[in-house]
Amino acid sequence: MKVELVTNLKRQATKILAELHESKEAVLITEHGQPSAYLVDVQDYEFMQRRLALLEGLSKGERAMLEGKNTSHGAAKERMQKWLK
């Protein structure tokens, strides 16, 4: 992963963005020697957001099953019939 100072980002934003788009490698932005932010390609960010939403959905489903909040296939199909008319 590439690391850049925030001052370099301010001065060379166009160059850093061009390198990011070419390499698709995230850039860690630091301020005062401390990590401050990540700069990532838009497509990579959107992919991560979709993956996170999927994982959250799976986690909710797993939690519901562990808590006994599940429905049989037949009961679910019956409940959905009114929506599928």
N, C-alpha and C. Protein backbone atom coordinates (compact mmCIF):
# COMPACT_ATOMS: atom_id res chain seq x y z
N MET A 1 0.84 -1.17 0.00
CA MET A 1 0.00 0.00 0.00
C MET A 1 0.89 1.24 0.00
N LYS A 2 0.49 2.18 -0.79
CA LYS A 2 1.23 3.43 -0.88
C LYS A 2 0.82 4.34 0.27
N VAL A 3 1.77 5.11 0.79
CA VAL A 3 1.52 6.05 1.88
C VAL A 3 1.91 7.44 1.41
N GLU A 4 1.04 8.41 1.65
CA GLU A 4 1.30 9.80 1.26
C GLU A 4 0.99 10.72 2.43
N LEU A 5 1.78 11.76 2.54
CA LEU A 5 1.50 12.82 3.51
C LEU A 5 0.34 13.66 3.00
N VAL A 6 -0.45 14.19 3.91
CA VAL A 6 -1.58 15.02 3.50
C VAL A 6 -1.09 16.25 2.72
N THR A 7 0.08 16.76 3.06
CA THR A 7 0.61 17.91 2.32
C THR A 7 0.94 17.53 0.88
N ASN A 8 1.43 16.30 0.66
CA ASN A 8 1.68 15.84 -0.71
C ASN A 8 0.37 15.71 -1.48
N LEU A 9 -0.67 15.24 -0.79
CA LEU A 9 -1.97 15.13 -1.44
C LEU A 9 -2.47 16.50 -1.88
N LYS A 10 -2.29 17.49 -1.02
CA LYS A 10 -2.72 18.85 -1.36
C LYS A 10 -1.97 19.38 -2.58
N ARG A 11 -0.68 19.11 -2.64
CA ARG A 11 0.16 19.66 -3.71
C ARG A 11 0.10 18.86 -5.00
N GLN A 12 -0.11 17.54 -4.88
CA GLN A 12 -0.01 16.67 -6.05
C GLN A 12 -1.25 15.78 -6.23
N ALA A 13 -2.40 16.31 -5.94
CA ALA A 13 -3.63 15.52 -5.98
C ALA A 13 -3.85 14.86 -7.34
N THR A 14 -3.66 15.60 -8.41
CA THR A 14 -3.89 15.07 -9.75
C THR A 14 -2.96 13.90 -10.03
N LYS A 15 -1.70 14.03 -9.68
CA LYS A 15 -0.72 12.97 -9.91
C LYS A 15 -1.05 11.74 -9.06
N ILE A 16 -1.38 11.94 -7.80
CA ILE A 16 -1.68 10.84 -6.89
C ILE A 16 -2.94 10.10 -7.36
N LEU A 17 -3.95 10.86 -7.79
CA LEU A 17 -5.17 10.24 -8.31
C LEU A 17 -4.90 9.46 -9.59
N ALA A 18 -4.07 9.99 -10.45
CA ALA A 18 -3.73 9.28 -11.70
C ALA A 18 -3.04 7.95 -11.38
N GLU A 19 -2.11 7.98 -10.42
CA GLU A 19 -1.43 6.75 -10.02
C GLU A 19 -2.40 5.75 -9.39
N LEU A 20 -3.34 6.27 -8.60
CA LEU A 20 -4.34 5.42 -7.96
C LEU A 20 -5.20 4.73 -9.02
N HIS A 21 -5.65 5.47 -10.01
CA HIS A 21 -6.50 4.89 -11.06
C HIS A 21 -5.72 3.86 -11.88
N GLU A 22 -4.44 4.10 -12.07
CA GLU A 22 -3.62 3.18 -12.86
C GLU A 22 -3.31 1.91 -12.08
N SER A 23 -2.92 2.04 -10.83
CA SER A 23 -2.48 0.88 -10.05
C SER A 23 -3.61 0.19 -9.30
N LYS A 24 -4.71 0.91 -9.04
CA LYS A 24 -5.83 0.41 -8.23
C LYS A 24 -5.40 0.08 -6.80
N GLU A 25 -4.26 0.59 -6.39
CA GLU A 25 -3.73 0.36 -5.04
C GLU A 25 -4.16 1.50 -4.12
N ALA A 26 -4.76 1.15 -2.98
CA ALA A 26 -5.21 2.16 -2.02
C ALA A 26 -4.02 2.99 -1.54
N VAL A 27 -4.31 4.23 -1.16
CA VAL A 27 -3.28 5.14 -0.65
C VAL A 27 -3.66 5.53 0.78
N LEU A 28 -2.74 5.33 1.70
CA LEU A 28 -2.96 5.74 3.08
C LEU A 28 -2.46 7.18 3.22
N ILE A 29 -3.34 8.06 3.66
CA ILE A 29 -3.00 9.46 3.86
C ILE A 29 -2.66 9.65 5.34
N THR A 30 -1.52 10.27 5.61
CA THR A 30 -1.12 10.49 7.00
C THR A 30 -1.06 11.98 7.31
N GLU A 31 -1.37 12.29 8.56
CA GLU A 31 -1.25 13.66 9.09
C GLU A 31 -0.43 13.58 10.36
N HIS A 32 0.59 14.37 10.44
CA HIS A 32 1.45 14.40 11.63
C HIS A 32 1.95 13.00 11.99
N GLY A 33 2.25 12.21 10.96
CA GLY A 33 2.79 10.87 11.17
C GLY A 33 1.77 9.82 11.55
N GLN A 34 0.49 10.19 11.59
CA GLN A 34 -0.56 9.25 11.99
C GLN A 34 -1.50 8.97 10.81
N PRO A 35 -1.98 7.74 10.68
CA PRO A 35 -2.96 7.44 9.62
C PRO A 35 -4.18 8.34 9.77
N SER A 36 -4.64 8.88 8.66
CA SER A 36 -5.77 9.81 8.69
C SER A 36 -6.92 9.33 7.81
N ALA A 37 -6.60 8.80 6.64
CA ALA A 37 -7.66 8.38 5.71
C ALA A 37 -7.07 7.46 4.65
N TYR A 38 -7.95 6.72 4.01
CA TYR A 38 -7.56 5.91 2.86
C TYR A 38 -8.17 6.53 1.62
N LEU A 39 -7.40 6.53 0.57
CA LEU A 39 -7.87 6.99 -0.73
C LEU A 39 -7.97 5.74 -1.60
N VAL A 40 -9.19 5.43 -2.05
CA VAL A 40 -9.40 4.22 -2.84
C VAL A 40 -10.15 4.56 -4.12
N ASP A 41 -9.99 3.71 -5.10
CA ASP A 41 -10.67 3.84 -6.38
C ASP A 41 -12.18 3.71 -6.15
N VAL A 42 -12.98 4.44 -6.90
CA VAL A 42 -14.43 4.44 -6.73
C VAL A 42 -15.01 3.03 -6.90
N GLN A 43 -14.59 2.30 -7.91
CA GLN A 43 -15.11 0.95 -8.14
C GLN A 43 -14.77 0.03 -6.96
N ASP A 44 -13.56 0.15 -6.43
CA ASP A 44 -13.18 -0.66 -5.28
C ASP A 44 -14.03 -0.31 -4.06
N TYR A 45 -14.26 0.97 -3.85
CA TYR A 45 -15.08 1.41 -2.71
C TYR A 45 -16.51 0.86 -2.84
N GLU A 46 -17.10 0.99 -4.02
CA GLU A 46 -18.46 0.51 -4.23
C GLU A 46 -18.54 -1.01 -4.05
N PHE A 47 -17.52 -1.73 -4.50
CA PHE A 47 -17.47 -3.18 -4.31
C PHE A 47 -17.42 -3.51 -2.82
N MET A 48 -16.60 -2.78 -2.07
CA MET A 48 -16.51 -3.02 -0.62
C MET A 48 -17.84 -2.73 0.07
N GLN A 49 -18.55 -1.69 -0.36
CA GLN A 49 -19.84 -1.37 0.24
C GLN A 49 -20.87 -2.46 -0.04
N ARG A 50 -20.88 -3.00 -1.26
CA ARG A 50 -21.81 -4.10 -1.59
C ARG A 50 -21.47 -5.34 -0.77
N ARG A 51 -20.20 -5.63 -0.65
CA ARG A 51 -19.76 -6.80 0.14
C ARG A 51 -20.15 -6.63 1.60
N LEU A 52 -19.98 -5.44 2.15
CA LEU A 52 -20.34 -5.17 3.53
C LEU A 52 -21.84 -5.33 3.75
N ALA A 53 -22.65 -4.84 2.82
CA ALA A 53 -24.11 -4.98 2.93
C ALA A 53 -24.51 -6.45 2.90
N LEU A 54 -23.86 -7.24 2.05
CA LEU A 54 -24.14 -8.67 1.98
C LEU A 54 -23.78 -9.36 3.29
N LEU A 55 -22.61 -9.04 3.83
CA LEU A 55 -22.19 -9.64 5.10
C LEU A 55 -23.12 -9.25 6.25
N GLU A 56 -23.59 -8.01 6.26
CA GLU A 56 -24.53 -7.58 7.30
C GLU A 56 -25.84 -8.34 7.18
N GLY A 57 -26.30 -8.58 5.97
CA GLY A 57 -27.53 -9.35 5.76
C GLY A 57 -27.37 -10.78 6.24
N LEU A 58 -26.23 -11.39 5.91
CA LEU A 58 -25.96 -12.75 6.38
C LEU A 58 -25.90 -12.82 7.90
N SER A 59 -25.29 -11.83 8.49
CA SER A 59 -25.18 -11.79 9.95
C SER A 59 -26.55 -11.67 10.60
N LYS A 60 -27.42 -10.83 10.04
CA LYS A 60 -28.78 -10.68 10.57
C LYS A 60 -29.55 -12.00 10.46
N GLY A 61 -29.40 -12.67 9.34
CA GLY A 61 -30.08 -13.95 9.14
C GLY A 61 -29.59 -15.00 10.11
N GLU A 62 -28.28 -15.05 10.30
CA GLU A 62 -27.71 -16.02 11.24
C GLU A 62 -28.18 -15.73 12.67
N ARG A 63 -28.21 -14.45 13.03
CA ARG A 63 -28.67 -14.07 14.36
C ARG A 63 -30.15 -14.45 14.56
N ALA A 64 -30.96 -14.22 13.54
CA ALA A 64 -32.38 -14.58 13.62
C ALA A 64 -32.54 -16.07 13.80
N MET A 65 -31.74 -16.87 13.10
CA MET A 65 -31.83 -18.32 13.25
C MET A 65 -31.44 -18.75 14.66
N LEU A 66 -30.38 -18.16 15.19
CA LEU A 66 -29.94 -18.51 16.54
C LEU A 66 -30.98 -18.13 17.60
N GLU A 67 -31.74 -17.08 17.32
CA GLU A 67 -32.78 -16.63 18.25
C GLU A 67 -34.11 -17.32 18.00
N GLY A 68 -34.13 -18.24 17.05
CA GLY A 68 -35.36 -18.98 16.76
C GLY A 68 -36.39 -18.17 16.01
N LYS A 69 -35.96 -17.11 15.37
CA LYS A 69 -36.89 -16.24 14.62
C LYS A 69 -36.89 -16.62 13.14
N ASN A 70 -37.16 -17.90 12.88
CA ASN A 70 -37.18 -18.34 11.49
C ASN A 70 -38.55 -18.93 11.18
N THR A 71 -38.81 -19.08 9.90
CA THR A 71 -40.10 -19.54 9.41
C THR A 71 -39.86 -20.70 8.46
N SER A 72 -40.77 -21.67 8.46
CA SER A 72 -40.64 -22.79 7.53
C SER A 72 -40.85 -22.29 6.10
N HIS A 73 -40.41 -23.09 5.15
CA HIS A 73 -40.57 -22.72 3.74
C HIS A 73 -42.05 -22.55 3.39
N GLY A 74 -42.85 -23.48 3.84
CA GLY A 74 -44.29 -23.43 3.55
C GLY A 74 -44.95 -22.18 4.11
N ALA A 75 -44.61 -21.85 5.37
CA ALA A 75 -45.20 -20.66 6.00
C ALA A 75 -44.73 -19.39 5.30
N ALA A 76 -43.47 -19.35 4.91
CA ALA A 76 -42.94 -18.17 4.21
C ALA A 76 -43.62 -18.01 2.86
N LYS A 77 -43.80 -19.14 2.16
CA LYS A 77 -44.45 -19.09 0.85
C LYS A 77 -45.88 -18.59 0.99
N GLU A 78 -46.56 -19.06 2.02
CA GLU A 78 -47.93 -18.64 2.29
C GLU A 78 -48.00 -17.14 2.57
N ARG A 79 -47.09 -16.65 3.37
CA ARG A 79 -47.06 -15.22 3.69
C ARG A 79 -46.75 -14.37 2.46
N MET A 80 -45.94 -14.89 1.55
CA MET A 80 -45.53 -14.13 0.36
C MET A 80 -46.60 -14.14 -0.73
N GLN A 81 -47.54 -15.07 -0.68
CA GLN A 81 -48.56 -15.17 -1.73
C GLN A 81 -49.31 -13.86 -1.92
N LYS A 82 -49.62 -13.17 -0.81
CA LYS A 82 -50.36 -11.91 -0.94
C LYS A 82 -49.53 -10.83 -1.66
N TRP A 83 -48.22 -10.94 -1.61
CA TRP A 83 -47.34 -9.97 -2.27
C TRP A 83 -47.13 -10.32 -3.75
N LEU A 84 -47.34 -11.59 -4.08
CA LEU A 84 -47.02 -12.05 -5.42
C LEU A 84 -48.24 -12.09 -6.35
N LYS A 85 -49.35 -11.58 -5.93
CA LYS A 85 -50.57 -11.60 -6.76
C LYS A 85 -50.49 -10.64 -7.90
